[in-house]
Amino acid sequence: MKKVIITLSVLAAAAGMAIAQPSIDAGYLYSMNKEMIASNVIDASSQGFYVGASYTYNLTNGLDVNAGLYYNYLTSNDSDSANIIGDINGSYDLRLNEHYISLPINLRFGTFVADGIKLFAFAGPSLSYCVSSTTRYNASLDLPVIGAISKEDTLNNFELDEDYKPFDVMVGGGLGTELFGVIRIQGGYRYGLLDRDAGENSSLHRSEIFAGVSYIF
């Protein structure tokens, strides 16, 4: 009886190892913020990358669950210069840097279309938390006689705007392919369900387009 239990335990462990596929993942992110203040709509975008790891658990033929943990980096730049009045000229340069931790959980369905080539579709939620959001700015005035006066600083956006919230729940989906059980290529879209602006007369929703590649162990 003890031998049977040991054998079943070994088989169960082997089966568990067979259906759980780890992978390391990296890819490109394009993020879009849509902010509404009163009746005005302000669109802003940033781009960056994600890197992390995920596990795929097979449920049945063609159906599995993929869960991952990722670090996301997003950045954007805005600069301009203009004549303010007379001989006085001004310019500014702004750079936004944001660091996120995300936890996507996707239900996937796939089928083999050729030997070693699998196509799949996926959909599910993703928990997103902004660990850090800063804006580095450099502003300058070019004054007659005096010359250029400039100031540079880095601002914490959560301290600057207490209504800006770090947590979001995103939902979305996409398409992908797996090649010979080693390489996964996929891309998709997610939309943030939560309003990240707690102000009374404003709202802010973030969405993102992503594309990346994974190495499957």
C-alpha atoms as a PDB file:
ATOM      1  CA  MET A   1       0.000   0.000   0.000  1.00  0.00           C
ATOM      2  CA  LYS A   2       2.852   2.361   0.858  1.00  0.00           C
ATOM      3  CA  LYS A   3       4.430   1.684  -2.552  1.00  0.00           C
ATOM      4  CA  VAL A   4       1.132   2.519  -4.275  1.00  0.00           C
ATOM      5  CA  ILE A   5       0.819   5.822  -2.385  1.00  0.00           C
ATOM      6  CA  ILE A   6       4.416   6.741  -3.197  1.00  0.00           C
ATOM      7  CA  THR A   7       3.898   5.871  -6.863  1.00  0.00           C
ATOM      8  CA  LEU A   8       0.703   7.919  -7.078  1.00  0.00           C
ATOM      9  CA  SER A   9       2.416  10.859  -5.375  1.00  0.00           C
ATOM     10  CA  VAL A  10       5.286  10.758  -7.860  1.00  0.00           C
ATOM     11  CA  LEU A  11       2.864  10.556 -10.795  1.00  0.00           C
ATOM     12  CA  ALA A  12       0.817  13.445  -9.447  1.00  0.00           C
ATOM     13  CA  ALA A  13       3.927  15.565  -9.009  1.00  0.00           C
ATOM     14  CA  ALA A  14       5.083  14.710 -12.515  1.00  0.00           C
ATOM     15  CA  ALA A  15       1.668  15.589 -13.930  1.00  0.00           C
ATOM     16  CA  GLY A  16       1.706  18.900 -12.074  1.00  0.00           C
ATOM     17  CA  MET A  17       5.124  19.706 -13.495  1.00  0.00           C
ATOM     18  CA  ALA A  18       3.949  18.792 -16.979  1.00  0.00           C
ATOM     19  CA  ILE A  19       0.936  21.112 -17.006  1.00  0.00           C
ATOM     20  CA  ALA A  20       2.669  24.144 -15.437  1.00  0.00           C
ATOM     21  CA  GLN A  21       4.878  25.896 -17.988  1.00  0.00           C
ATOM     22  CA  PRO A  22       6.992  28.815 -16.729  1.00  0.00           C
ATOM     23  CA  SER A  23       8.215  31.522 -19.083  1.00  0.00           C
ATOM     24  CA  ILE A  24      10.127  34.786 -19.047  1.00  0.00           C
ATOM     25  CA  ASP A  25       8.432  37.612 -20.930  1.00  0.00           C
ATOM     26  CA  ALA A  26       9.351  41.039 -22.295  1.00  0.00           C
ATOM     27  CA  GLY A  27       7.738  43.483 -24.656  1.00  0.00           C
ATOM     28  CA  TYR A  28       6.630  46.949 -25.736  1.00  0.00           C
ATOM     29  CA  LEU A  29       3.941  49.099 -24.095  1.00  0.00           C
ATOM     30  CA  TYR A  30       1.987  52.041 -25.505  1.00  0.00           C
ATOM     31  CA  SER A  31      -0.176  53.707 -22.858  1.00  0.00           C
ATOM     32  CA  MET A  32      -3.001  56.203 -23.387  1.00  0.00           C
ATOM     33  CA  ASN A  33      -4.530  58.444 -20.715  1.00  0.00           C
ATOM     34  CA  LYS A  34      -7.920  60.018 -21.325  1.00  0.00           C
ATOM     35  CA  GLU A  35      -8.710  62.722 -18.783  1.00  0.00           C
ATOM     36  CA  MET A  36     -11.989  64.620 -18.633  1.00  0.00           C
ATOM     37  CA  ILE A  37     -12.080  67.891 -16.707  1.00  0.00           C
ATOM     38  CA  ALA A  38     -15.578  69.407 -16.768  1.00  0.00           C
ATOM     39  CA  SER A  39     -16.431  69.160 -20.487  1.00  0.00           C
ATOM     40  CA  ASN A  40     -12.823  69.211 -21.725  1.00  0.00           C
ATOM     41  CA  VAL A  41     -11.080  66.011 -22.842  1.00  0.00           C
ATOM     42  CA  ILE A  42      -7.276  65.784 -22.559  1.00  0.00           C
ATOM     43  CA  ASP A  43      -5.475  62.908 -24.278  1.00  0.00           C
ATOM     44  CA  ALA A  44      -1.899  61.996 -23.387  1.00  0.00           C
ATOM     45  CA  SER A  45       0.287  59.039 -24.288  1.00  0.00           C
ATOM     46  CA  SER A  46       3.486  57.408 -23.082  1.00  0.00           C
ATOM     47  CA  GLN A  47       5.483  54.366 -24.099  1.00  0.00           C
ATOM     48  CA  GLY A  48       7.922  51.939 -22.612  1.00  0.00           C
ATOM     49  CA  PHE A  49       8.400  48.251 -21.903  1.00  0.00           C
ATOM     50  CA  TYR A  50       7.447  45.388 -19.623  1.00  0.00           C
ATOM     51  CA  VAL A  51       9.500  42.478 -18.294  1.00  0.00           C
ATOM     52  CA  GLY A  52       8.638  39.616 -15.979  1.00  0.00           C
ATOM     53  CA  ALA A  53       7.625  35.985 -15.738  1.00  0.00           C
ATOM     54  CA  SER A  54       4.464  33.927 -16.060  1.00  0.00           C
ATOM     55  CA  TYR A  55       3.085  30.434 -15.573  1.00  0.00           C
ATOM     56  CA  THR A  56       0.685  28.623 -17.887  1.00  0.00           C
ATOM     57  CA  TYR A  57      -1.595  25.967 -16.373  1.00  0.00           C
ATOM     58  CA  ASN A  58      -3.347  23.569 -18.730  1.00  0.00           C
ATOM     59  CA  LEU A  59      -7.004  22.965 -17.864  1.00  0.00           C
ATOM     60  CA  THR A  60      -8.082  20.788 -20.758  1.00  0.00           C
ATOM     61  CA  ASN A  61      -7.355  20.332 -24.441  1.00  0.00           C
ATOM     62  CA  GLY A  62      -6.835  23.798 -25.911  1.00  0.00           C
ATOM     63  CA  LEU A  63      -7.839  25.662 -22.725  1.00  0.00           C
ATOM     64  CA  ASP A  64      -5.401  27.035 -20.159  1.00  0.00           C
ATOM     65  CA  VAL A  65      -4.797  29.836 -17.667  1.00  0.00           C
ATOM     66  CA  ASN A  66      -1.780  32.126 -17.880  1.00  0.00           C
ATOM     67  CA  ALA A  67      -0.814  34.294 -14.881  1.00  0.00           C
ATOM     68  CA  GLY A  68       2.169  36.631 -14.726  1.00  0.00           C
ATOM     69  CA  LEU A  69       3.971  39.224 -12.630  1.00  0.00           C
ATOM     70  CA  TYR A  70       5.553  42.156 -14.494  1.00  0.00           C
ATOM     71  CA  TYR A  71       7.474  45.366 -14.054  1.00  0.00           C
ATOM     72  CA  ASN A  72       6.277  48.095 -16.444  1.00  0.00           C
ATOM     73  CA  TYR A  73       8.105  51.303 -17.307  1.00  0.00           C
ATOM     74  CA  LEU A  74       6.401  54.206 -19.116  1.00  0.00           C
ATOM     75  CA  THR A  75       7.818  57.558 -20.153  1.00  0.00           C
ATOM     76  CA  SER A  76       6.827  60.586 -22.220  1.00  0.00           C
ATOM     77  CA  ASN A  77       8.371  63.929 -23.092  1.00  0.00           C
ATOM     78  CA  ASP A  78       6.833  67.343 -23.795  1.00  0.00           C
ATOM     79  CA  SER A  79       8.755  70.488 -24.682  1.00  0.00           C
ATOM     80  CA  ASP A  80       8.036  73.862 -26.229  1.00  0.00           C
ATOM     81  CA  SER A  81       9.395  77.366 -26.581  1.00  0.00           C
ATOM     82  CA  ALA A  82       7.727  80.679 -27.368  1.00  0.00           C
ATOM     83  CA  ASN A  83       8.103  84.414 -27.354  1.00  0.00           C
ATOM     84  CA  ILE A  84       6.302  85.678 -24.257  1.00  0.00           C
ATOM     85  CA  ILE A  85       6.482  89.428 -24.793  1.00  0.00           C
ATOM     86  CA  GLY A  86       8.933  91.709 -26.524  1.00  0.00           C
ATOM     87  CA  ASP A  87      12.443  90.282 -26.223  1.00  0.00           C
ATOM     88  CA  ILE A  88      11.464  87.821 -23.473  1.00  0.00           C
ATOM     89  CA  ASN A  89      11.485  84.199 -24.600  1.00  0.00           C
ATOM     90  CA  GLY A  90      10.536  81.134 -22.573  1.00  0.00           C
ATOM     91  CA  SER A  91      10.889  77.378 -22.918  1.00  0.00           C
ATOM     92  CA  TYR A  92      10.125  74.230 -20.961  1.00  0.00           C
ATOM     93  CA  ASP A  93      10.918  70.540 -21.079  1.00  0.00           C
ATOM     94  CA  LEU A  94       8.850  67.951 -19.178  1.00  0.00           C
ATOM     95  CA  ARG A  95       9.594  64.233 -18.822  1.00  0.00           C
ATOM     96  CA  LEU A  96       7.138  61.844 -17.177  1.00  0.00           C
ATOM     97  CA  ASN A  97       8.472  58.592 -15.700  1.00  0.00           C
ATOM     98  CA  GLU A  98       6.150  55.949 -14.247  1.00  0.00           C
ATOM     99  CA  HIS A  99       6.919  52.535 -12.775  1.00  0.00           C
ATOM    100  CA  TYR A 100       4.178  49.918 -12.446  1.00  0.00           C
ATOM    101  CA  ILE A 101       3.749  46.404 -11.090  1.00  0.00           C
ATOM    102  CA  SER A 102       1.090  44.421 -12.949  1.00  0.00           C
ATOM    103  CA  LEU A 103      -0.521  41.025 -12.414  1.00  0.00           C
ATOM    104  CA  PRO A 104      -2.412  39.789 -15.508  1.00  0.00           C
ATOM    105  CA  ILE A 105      -4.492  36.606 -15.361  1.00  0.00           C
ATOM    106  CA  ASN A 106      -5.736  35.382 -18.735  1.00  0.00           C
ATOM    107  CA  LEU A 107      -7.900  32.519 -19.903  1.00  0.00           C
ATOM    108  CA  ARG A 108      -6.528  31.242 -23.203  1.00  0.00           C
ATOM    109  CA  PHE A 109      -7.893  29.002 -25.915  1.00  0.00           C
ATOM    110  CA  GLY A 110      -5.621  27.698 -28.660  1.00  0.00           C
ATOM    111  CA  THR A 111      -5.317  25.168 -31.442  1.00  0.00           C
ATOM    112  CA  PHE A 112      -2.479  23.777 -33.531  1.00  0.00           C
ATOM    113  CA  VAL A 113      -2.609  24.945 -37.151  1.00  0.00           C
ATOM    114  CA  ALA A 114       0.564  23.136 -38.207  1.00  0.00           C
ATOM    115  CA  ASP A 115       3.207  20.904 -36.698  1.00  0.00           C
ATOM    116  CA  GLY A 116       4.599  22.809 -33.700  1.00  0.00           C
ATOM    117  CA  ILE A 117       2.654  26.001 -34.449  1.00  0.00           C
ATOM    118  CA  LYS A 118      -0.197  26.938 -32.126  1.00  0.00           C
ATOM    119  CA  LEU A 119      -2.507  29.945 -32.435  1.00  0.00           C
ATOM    120  CA  PHE A 120      -4.418  31.207 -29.402  1.00  0.00           C
ATOM    121  CA  ALA A 121      -6.707  33.957 -28.169  1.00  0.00           C
ATOM    122  CA  PHE A 122      -6.748  35.236 -24.597  1.00  0.00           C
ATOM    123  CA  ALA A 123      -8.778  37.511 -22.344  1.00  0.00           C
ATOM    124  CA  GLY A 124      -8.852  38.447 -18.688  1.00  0.00           C
ATOM    125  CA  PRO A 125      -8.194  41.044 -15.995  1.00  0.00           C
ATOM    126  CA  SER A 126      -4.927  42.653 -14.954  1.00  0.00           C
ATOM    127  CA  LEU A 127      -4.228  44.284 -11.594  1.00  0.00           C
ATOM    128  CA  SER A 128      -2.051  47.378 -12.007  1.00  0.00           C
ATOM    129  CA  TYR A 129      -0.280  49.454  -9.342  1.00  0.00           C
ATOM    130  CA  CYS A 130       1.821  52.542 -10.021  1.00  0.00           C
ATOM    131  CA  VAL A 131       4.767  52.362  -7.622  1.00  0.00           C
ATOM    132  CA  SER A 132       6.267  55.691  -8.671  1.00  0.00           C
ATOM    133  CA  SER A 133       5.198  58.622 -10.865  1.00  0.00           C
ATOM    134  CA  THR A 134       7.514  61.616 -11.299  1.00  0.00           C
ATOM    135  CA  THR A 135       7.811  64.562 -13.666  1.00  0.00           C
ATOM    136  CA  ARG A 136      11.203  66.127 -14.291  1.00  0.00           C
ATOM    137  CA  TYR A 137      10.963  69.660 -15.613  1.00  0.00           C
ATOM    138  CA  ASN A 138      13.352  72.276 -16.891  1.00  0.00           C
ATOM    139  CA  ALA A 139      11.938  75.780 -17.430  1.00  0.00           C
ATOM    140  CA  SER A 140      13.863  78.823 -18.596  1.00  0.00           C
ATOM    141  CA  LEU A 141      13.386  82.493 -19.417  1.00  0.00           C
ATOM    142  CA  ASP A 142      15.667  84.399 -21.746  1.00  0.00           C
ATOM    143  CA  LEU A 143      15.664  88.009 -20.537  1.00  0.00           C
ATOM    144  CA  PRO A 144      17.236  91.049 -22.170  1.00  0.00           C
ATOM    145  CA  VAL A 145      20.495  92.175 -20.528  1.00  0.00           C
ATOM    146  CA  ILE A 146      20.159  89.578 -17.706  1.00  0.00           C
ATOM    147  CA  GLY A 147      20.292  86.538 -19.994  1.00  0.00           C
ATOM    148  CA  ALA A 148      18.873  83.082 -19.352  1.00  0.00           C
ATOM    149  CA  ILE A 149      17.288  82.100 -16.047  1.00  0.00           C
ATOM    150  CA  SER A 150      16.427  78.424 -15.622  1.00  0.00           C
ATOM    151  CA  LYS A 151      15.084  76.063 -12.997  1.00  0.00           C
ATOM    152  CA  GLU A 152      15.143  72.259 -12.950  1.00  0.00           C
ATOM    153  CA  ASP A 153      13.419  69.933 -10.498  1.00  0.00           C
ATOM    154  CA  THR A 154      11.711  66.546 -10.175  1.00  0.00           C
ATOM    155  CA  LEU A 155       8.166  66.404  -8.809  1.00  0.00           C
ATOM    156  CA  ASN A 156       6.324  63.493  -7.205  1.00  0.00           C
ATOM    157  CA  ASN A 157       3.005  63.407  -9.046  1.00  0.00           C
ATOM    158  CA  PHE A 158       1.170  61.693  -6.186  1.00  0.00           C
ATOM    159  CA  GLU A 159       2.232  64.487  -3.811  1.00  0.00           C
ATOM    160  CA  LEU A 160       1.536  67.179  -6.396  1.00  0.00           C
ATOM    161  CA  ASP A 161      -1.977  65.849  -7.102  1.00  0.00           C
ATOM    162  CA  GLU A 162      -3.567  63.947  -4.212  1.00  0.00           C
ATOM    163  CA  ASP A 163      -6.499  62.995  -6.477  1.00  0.00           C
ATOM    164  CA  TYR A 164      -4.203  60.912  -8.702  1.00  0.00           C
ATOM    165  CA  LYS A 165      -4.631  57.271  -7.648  1.00  0.00           C
ATOM    166  CA  PRO A 166      -2.073  54.489  -8.241  1.00  0.00           C
ATOM    167  CA  PHE A 167      -4.319  51.397  -8.422  1.00  0.00           C
ATOM    168  CA  ASP A 168      -6.264  50.181 -11.442  1.00  0.00           C
ATOM    169  CA  VAL A 169      -8.083  47.079 -12.657  1.00  0.00           C
ATOM    170  CA  MET A 170      -7.689  46.572 -16.382  1.00  0.00           C
ATOM    171  CA  VAL A 171      -9.484  44.156 -18.690  1.00  0.00           C
ATOM    172  CA  GLY A 172      -8.646  43.134 -22.220  1.00  0.00           C
ATOM    173  CA  GLY A 173      -7.467  40.440 -24.545  1.00  0.00           C
ATOM    174  CA  GLY A 174      -5.465  39.632 -27.618  1.00  0.00           C
ATOM    175  CA  LEU A 175      -3.998  37.058 -29.965  1.00  0.00           C
ATOM    176  CA  GLY A 176      -0.767  35.121 -30.077  1.00  0.00           C
ATOM    177  CA  THR A 177       1.173  32.160 -31.355  1.00  0.00           C
ATOM    178  CA  GLU A 178       3.483  29.558 -29.807  1.00  0.00           C
ATOM    179  CA  LEU A 179       6.288  28.098 -31.886  1.00  0.00           C
ATOM    180  CA  PHE A 180       7.424  24.556 -31.087  1.00  0.00           C
ATOM    181  CA  GLY A 181       6.604  24.996 -27.395  1.00  0.00           C
ATOM    182  CA  VAL A 182       9.578  27.329 -26.909  1.00  0.00           C
ATOM    183  CA  ILE A 183       8.721  30.819 -28.205  1.00  0.00           C
ATOM    184  CA  ARG A 184       5.495  32.735 -27.596  1.00  0.00           C
ATOM    185  CA  ILE A 185       4.593  35.919 -29.472  1.00  0.00           C
ATOM    186  CA  GLN A 186       1.496  37.842 -28.468  1.00  0.00           C
ATOM    187  CA  GLY A 187      -0.143  41.241 -28.494  1.00  0.00           C
ATOM    188  CA  GLY A 188      -3.307  42.818 -27.183  1.00  0.00           C
ATOM    189  CA  TYR A 189      -5.197  45.691 -25.615  1.00  0.00           C
ATOM    190  CA  ARG A 190      -6.318  46.521 -22.052  1.00  0.00           C
ATOM    191  CA  TYR A 191      -8.633  49.185 -20.660  1.00  0.00           C
ATOM    192  CA  GLY A 192      -8.605  50.516 -17.101  1.00  0.00           C
ATOM    193  CA  LEU A 193     -11.967  50.205 -15.378  1.00  0.00           C
ATOM    194  CA  LEU A 194     -11.182  52.422 -12.389  1.00  0.00           C
ATOM    195  CA  ASP A 195     -11.252  56.207 -12.378  1.00  0.00           C
ATOM    196  CA  ARG A 196      -7.739  57.207 -11.297  1.00  0.00           C
ATOM    197  CA  ASP A 197      -8.731  60.817 -10.653  1.00  0.00           C
ATOM    198  CA  ALA A 198     -10.657  61.224  -7.399  1.00  0.00           C
ATOM    199  CA  GLY A 199     -11.614  64.831  -8.181  1.00  0.00           C
ATOM    200  CA  GLU A 200     -15.312  65.730  -8.199  1.00  0.00           C
ATOM    201  CA  ASN A 201     -15.420  67.219 -11.690  1.00  0.00           C
ATOM    202  CA  SER A 202     -12.803  65.112 -13.410  1.00  0.00           C
ATOM    203  CA  SER A 203     -12.034  61.535 -14.426  1.00  0.00           C
ATOM    204  CA  LEU A 204      -8.996  59.667 -15.743  1.00  0.00           C
ATOM    205  CA  HIS A 205      -8.856  56.271 -17.437  1.00  0.00           C
ATOM    206  CA  ARG A 206      -5.770  54.546 -18.798  1.00  0.00           C
ATOM    207  CA  SER A 207      -5.614  52.022 -21.631  1.00  0.00           C
ATOM    208  CA  GLU A 208      -2.662  50.250 -23.194  1.00  0.00           C
ATOM    209  CA  ILE A 209      -1.539  48.356 -26.271  1.00  0.00           C
ATOM    210  CA  PHE A 210       1.149  45.732 -25.725  1.00  0.00           C
ATOM    211  CA  ALA A 211       3.203  43.313 -27.809  1.00  0.00           C
ATOM    212  CA  GLY A 212       5.920  40.975 -26.674  1.00  0.00           C
ATOM    213  CA  VAL A 213       7.812  37.717 -26.830  1.00  0.00           C
ATOM    214  CA  SER A 214       8.293  34.941 -24.262  1.00  0.00           C
ATOM    215  CA  TYR A 215      10.752  32.120 -23.783  1.00  0.00           C
ATOM    216  CA  ILE A 216       8.999  28.992 -22.501  1.00  0.00           C
ATOM    217  CA  PHE A 217      10.945  26.601 -20.285  1.00  0.00           C
END
